[in-house]
Amino acid sequence: MSDPTLWDQPAESHARRTDPETSKIAAAMVNASALEAIVWNALLKHGRMNTRTIGDVTDLPRDSVSPRMRPLERRGAVSDTGEREDGCIVWEAIL
């Protein structure tokens, strides 16, 4: 049996209790694992970036990128560098 990898863990996709039903349905339909993989791979390929830049290089809207960052951080896949660009956290991938 091989050791579990980052991508063996379920990805997080959430809606708030106060969100309308349509938001809850949309959150359930999001493939968070695929989005997390796109974001993480972009950071590996391009280096340190904020969510705006990640969105630019991946052609994902920022509101699809931003919710992926804290779950990726909790899973040990990315780290907040402590740097800020235009008020945004600069992230880096962790191998």
N, C-alpha and C. Protein backbone atom coordinates (compact mmCIF):
# COMPACT_ATOMS: atom_id res chain seq x y z
N MET A 1 0.85 -1.17 0.00
CA MET A 1 0.00 0.00 0.00
C MET A 1 0.89 1.24 0.00
N SER A 2 0.56 2.21 -0.83
CA SER A 2 1.37 3.43 -0.89
C SER A 2 0.89 4.45 0.13
N ASP A 3 1.77 5.37 0.44
CA ASP A 3 1.41 6.44 1.37
C ASP A 3 0.37 7.34 0.74
N PRO A 4 -0.55 7.90 1.53
CA PRO A 4 -1.54 8.82 0.97
C PRO A 4 -0.86 10.08 0.44
N THR A 5 -1.43 10.63 -0.59
CA THR A 5 -0.92 11.86 -1.18
C THR A 5 -1.86 13.01 -0.88
N LEU A 6 -1.41 14.19 -1.23
CA LEU A 6 -2.22 15.40 -1.06
C LEU A 6 -3.58 15.24 -1.71
N TRP A 7 -3.61 14.61 -2.88
CA TRP A 7 -4.86 14.55 -3.66
C TRP A 7 -5.76 13.40 -3.23
N ASP A 8 -5.33 12.55 -2.27
CA ASP A 8 -6.17 11.50 -1.75
C ASP A 8 -7.19 12.05 -0.74
N GLN A 9 -6.93 13.24 -0.23
CA GLN A 9 -7.82 13.85 0.74
C GLN A 9 -8.96 14.55 0.02
N PRO A 10 -10.18 14.47 0.53
CA PRO A 10 -11.29 15.15 -0.14
C PRO A 10 -11.10 16.67 -0.09
N ALA A 11 -11.44 17.33 -1.18
CA ALA A 11 -11.36 18.79 -1.24
C ALA A 11 -12.60 19.40 -0.60
N GLU A 12 -12.45 20.63 -0.17
CA GLU A 12 -13.54 21.33 0.50
C GLU A 12 -14.27 22.24 -0.48
N SER A 13 -15.59 22.17 -0.46
CA SER A 13 -16.44 23.09 -1.22
C SER A 13 -17.61 23.43 -0.31
N HIS A 14 -17.78 24.71 -0.01
CA HIS A 14 -18.75 25.10 1.01
C HIS A 14 -19.68 26.21 0.54
N ALA A 15 -20.83 26.23 1.18
CA ALA A 15 -21.74 27.38 1.12
C ALA A 15 -22.12 27.68 2.57
N ARG A 16 -22.35 28.94 2.85
CA ARG A 16 -22.76 29.31 4.21
C ARG A 16 -24.22 28.94 4.46
N ARG A 17 -24.57 28.73 5.72
CA ARG A 17 -25.97 28.44 6.06
C ARG A 17 -26.90 29.54 5.59
N THR A 18 -26.39 30.77 5.57
CA THR A 18 -27.24 31.90 5.20
C THR A 18 -27.32 32.13 3.68
N ASP A 19 -26.54 31.37 2.91
CA ASP A 19 -26.56 31.51 1.46
C ASP A 19 -27.89 31.01 0.89
N PRO A 20 -28.30 31.58 -0.23
CA PRO A 20 -29.52 31.08 -0.87
C PRO A 20 -29.32 29.65 -1.36
N GLU A 21 -30.42 28.96 -1.57
CA GLU A 21 -30.36 27.55 -2.00
C GLU A 21 -29.56 27.37 -3.28
N THR A 22 -29.65 28.34 -4.19
CA THR A 22 -28.89 28.23 -5.44
C THR A 22 -27.39 28.21 -5.19
N SER A 23 -26.91 28.95 -4.20
CA SER A 23 -25.48 28.93 -3.86
C SER A 23 -25.08 27.59 -3.29
N LYS A 24 -25.94 26.99 -2.49
CA LYS A 24 -25.65 25.69 -1.91
C LYS A 24 -25.58 24.62 -2.99
N ILE A 25 -26.48 24.70 -3.97
CA ILE A 25 -26.46 23.76 -5.08
C ILE A 25 -25.18 23.94 -5.90
N ALA A 26 -24.82 25.20 -6.16
CA ALA A 26 -23.61 25.47 -6.94
C ALA A 26 -22.37 24.96 -6.21
N ALA A 27 -22.30 25.16 -4.90
CA ALA A 27 -21.15 24.68 -4.13
C ALA A 27 -21.03 23.17 -4.21
N ALA A 28 -22.16 22.49 -4.19
CA ALA A 28 -22.14 21.03 -4.28
C ALA A 28 -21.67 20.55 -5.65
N MET A 29 -21.85 21.38 -6.67
CA MET A 29 -21.49 20.99 -8.03
C MET A 29 -20.03 21.31 -8.38
N VAL A 30 -19.37 22.14 -7.57
CA VAL A 30 -17.99 22.54 -7.85
C VAL A 30 -17.07 21.35 -7.66
N ASN A 31 -16.19 21.12 -8.63
CA ASN A 31 -15.17 20.09 -8.49
C ASN A 31 -13.96 20.74 -7.83
N ALA A 32 -14.00 20.83 -6.51
CA ALA A 32 -12.96 21.53 -5.77
C ALA A 32 -11.60 20.87 -5.94
N SER A 33 -11.56 19.56 -6.04
CA SER A 33 -10.27 18.87 -6.21
C SER A 33 -9.59 19.29 -7.50
N ALA A 34 -10.36 19.37 -8.58
CA ALA A 34 -9.79 19.78 -9.87
C ALA A 34 -9.29 21.22 -9.81
N LEU A 35 -10.06 22.10 -9.18
CA LEU A 35 -9.64 23.50 -9.06
C LEU A 35 -8.38 23.61 -8.21
N GLU A 36 -8.33 22.87 -7.11
CA GLU A 36 -7.14 22.90 -6.26
C GLU A 36 -5.92 22.42 -7.02
N ALA A 37 -6.08 21.38 -7.82
CA ALA A 37 -4.95 20.86 -8.60
C ALA A 37 -4.47 21.89 -9.62
N ILE A 38 -5.40 22.59 -10.26
CA ILE A 38 -5.04 23.63 -11.24
C ILE A 38 -4.26 24.74 -10.55
N VAL A 39 -4.76 25.20 -9.40
CA VAL A 39 -4.11 26.28 -8.66
C VAL A 39 -2.72 25.85 -8.20
N TRP A 40 -2.61 24.66 -7.61
CA TRP A 40 -1.33 24.17 -7.10
C TRP A 40 -0.32 24.01 -8.24
N ASN A 41 -0.76 23.44 -9.36
CA ASN A 41 0.14 23.27 -10.50
C ASN A 41 0.60 24.60 -11.07
N ALA A 42 -0.28 25.60 -11.07
CA ALA A 42 0.11 26.94 -11.54
C ALA A 42 1.20 27.52 -10.65
N LEU A 43 1.06 27.34 -9.33
CA LEU A 43 2.09 27.83 -8.41
C LEU A 43 3.40 27.08 -8.61
N LEU A 44 3.34 25.79 -8.87
CA LEU A 44 4.56 25.03 -9.14
C LEU A 44 5.25 25.53 -10.40
N LYS A 45 4.45 25.78 -11.43
CA LYS A 45 5.01 26.18 -12.73
C LYS A 45 5.52 27.61 -12.75
N HIS A 46 4.76 28.52 -12.14
CA HIS A 46 5.06 29.96 -12.26
C HIS A 46 5.69 30.57 -11.01
N GLY A 47 5.73 29.82 -9.92
CA GLY A 47 6.31 30.36 -8.69
C GLY A 47 5.30 31.16 -7.89
N ARG A 48 5.81 31.96 -6.98
CA ARG A 48 4.97 32.73 -6.05
C ARG A 48 4.01 33.66 -6.79
N MET A 49 2.74 33.64 -6.36
CA MET A 49 1.72 34.50 -6.98
C MET A 49 0.61 34.80 -5.99
N ASN A 50 -0.10 35.90 -6.26
CA ASN A 50 -1.31 36.16 -5.51
C ASN A 50 -2.49 35.59 -6.29
N THR A 51 -3.69 35.62 -5.70
CA THR A 51 -4.85 34.99 -6.35
C THR A 51 -5.22 35.67 -7.66
N ARG A 52 -4.99 36.96 -7.78
CA ARG A 52 -5.28 37.64 -9.05
C ARG A 52 -4.40 37.09 -10.16
N THR A 53 -3.11 36.94 -9.88
CA THR A 53 -2.18 36.43 -10.88
C THR A 53 -2.46 34.97 -11.18
N ILE A 54 -2.79 34.19 -10.16
CA ILE A 54 -3.14 32.79 -10.40
C ILE A 54 -4.34 32.72 -11.35
N GLY A 55 -5.33 33.56 -11.11
CA GLY A 55 -6.49 33.61 -11.99
C GLY A 55 -6.10 33.96 -13.42
N ASP A 56 -5.19 34.91 -13.56
CA ASP A 56 -4.73 35.31 -14.90
C ASP A 56 -4.04 34.17 -15.64
N VAL A 57 -3.15 33.47 -14.96
CA VAL A 57 -2.38 32.42 -15.66
C VAL A 57 -3.20 31.15 -15.88
N THR A 58 -4.26 30.95 -15.11
CA THR A 58 -5.08 29.75 -15.25
C THR A 58 -6.38 29.99 -16.00
N ASP A 59 -6.68 31.25 -16.26
CA ASP A 59 -7.97 31.63 -16.86
C ASP A 59 -9.15 31.27 -15.98
N LEU A 60 -8.91 31.21 -14.67
CA LEU A 60 -9.99 30.99 -13.71
C LEU A 60 -10.38 32.33 -13.10
N PRO A 61 -11.67 32.53 -12.82
CA PRO A 61 -12.05 33.76 -12.12
C PRO A 61 -11.48 33.76 -10.70
N ARG A 62 -11.16 34.94 -10.22
CA ARG A 62 -10.57 35.04 -8.88
C ARG A 62 -11.48 34.43 -7.82
N ASP A 63 -12.80 34.52 -8.02
CA ASP A 63 -13.70 33.94 -7.02
C ASP A 63 -13.74 32.40 -7.08
N SER A 64 -13.05 31.81 -8.06
CA SER A 64 -12.85 30.36 -8.06
C SER A 64 -11.49 30.00 -7.46
N VAL A 65 -10.54 30.92 -7.57
CA VAL A 65 -9.19 30.68 -7.05
C VAL A 65 -9.13 30.93 -5.55
N SER A 66 -9.62 32.06 -5.11
CA SER A 66 -9.48 32.47 -3.72
C SER A 66 -9.99 31.43 -2.71
N PRO A 67 -11.16 30.81 -2.94
CA PRO A 67 -11.63 29.81 -1.96
C PRO A 67 -10.79 28.54 -1.89
N ARG A 68 -9.90 28.35 -2.82
CA ARG A 68 -9.05 27.16 -2.83
C ARG A 68 -7.83 27.30 -1.93
N MET A 69 -7.45 28.54 -1.60
CA MET A 69 -6.16 28.76 -0.96
C MET A 69 -6.09 28.24 0.48
N ARG A 70 -7.02 28.59 1.32
CA ARG A 70 -6.96 28.13 2.73
C ARG A 70 -7.07 26.61 2.83
N PRO A 71 -7.97 25.96 2.07
CA PRO A 71 -7.97 24.50 2.12
C PRO A 71 -6.63 23.90 1.68
N LEU A 72 -6.04 24.46 0.63
CA LEU A 72 -4.72 23.98 0.20
C LEU A 72 -3.67 24.22 1.28
N GLU A 73 -3.78 25.34 1.96
CA GLU A 73 -2.85 25.63 3.05
C GLU A 73 -3.02 24.63 4.19
N ARG A 74 -4.27 24.34 4.55
CA ARG A 74 -4.53 23.37 5.64
C ARG A 74 -4.02 21.98 5.27
N ARG A 75 -4.00 21.66 3.99
CA ARG A 75 -3.53 20.35 3.53
C ARG A 75 -2.01 20.33 3.33
N GLY A 76 -1.36 21.46 3.55
CA GLY A 76 0.09 21.52 3.44
C GLY A 76 0.61 21.63 2.02
N ALA A 77 -0.24 22.07 1.09
CA ALA A 77 0.14 22.17 -0.32
C ALA A 77 0.67 23.54 -0.70
N VAL A 78 0.22 24.57 0.01
CA VAL A 78 0.67 25.94 -0.26
C VAL A 78 0.98 26.64 1.05
N SER A 79 1.71 27.73 0.94
CA SER A 79 2.07 28.51 2.12
C SER A 79 1.95 29.99 1.81
N ASP A 80 1.48 30.74 2.79
CA ASP A 80 1.47 32.20 2.74
C ASP A 80 2.92 32.64 2.91
N THR A 81 3.46 33.38 1.93
CA THR A 81 4.87 33.79 1.99
C THR A 81 5.11 34.93 2.97
N GLY A 82 4.04 35.57 3.42
CA GLY A 82 4.17 36.76 4.26
C GLY A 82 4.25 38.02 3.43
N GLU A 83 4.39 37.87 2.11
CA GLU A 83 4.43 39.01 1.20
C GLU A 83 3.01 39.38 0.79
N ARG A 84 2.83 40.65 0.38
CA ARG A 84 1.55 41.12 -0.12
C ARG A 84 1.78 41.89 -1.41
N GLU A 85 0.91 41.68 -2.38
CA GLU A 85 0.92 42.44 -3.63
C GLU A 85 -0.48 43.00 -3.82
N ASP A 86 -0.60 44.31 -3.92
CA ASP A 86 -1.90 44.96 -4.08
C ASP A 86 -2.88 44.52 -3.01
N GLY A 87 -2.38 44.31 -1.80
CA GLY A 87 -3.22 43.91 -0.68
C GLY A 87 -3.57 42.44 -0.66
N CYS A 88 -3.03 41.66 -1.59
CA CYS A 88 -3.33 40.22 -1.68
C CYS A 88 -2.16 39.39 -1.16
N ILE A 89 -2.49 38.27 -0.51
CA ILE A 89 -1.47 37.34 -0.05
C ILE A 89 -0.72 36.76 -1.25
N VAL A 90 0.58 36.65 -1.12
CA VAL A 90 1.39 35.97 -2.13
C VAL A 90 1.60 34.55 -1.63
N TRP A 91 1.22 33.57 -2.45
CA TRP A 91 1.27 32.16 -2.09
C TRP A 91 2.41 31.46 -2.81
N GLU A 92 2.88 30.36 -2.20
CA GLU A 92 3.86 29.51 -2.89
C GLU A 92 3.45 28.06 -2.68
N ALA A 93 3.77 27.23 -3.66
CA ALA A 93 3.49 25.79 -3.57
C ALA A 93 4.53 25.14 -2.68
N ILE A 94 4.10 24.10 -1.98
CA ILE A 94 4.99 23.28 -1.17
C ILE A 94 4.99 21.89 -1.78
N LEU A 95 6.17 21.38 -2.00
CA LEU A 95 6.28 20.04 -2.59
C LEU A 95 6.18 18.96 -1.53
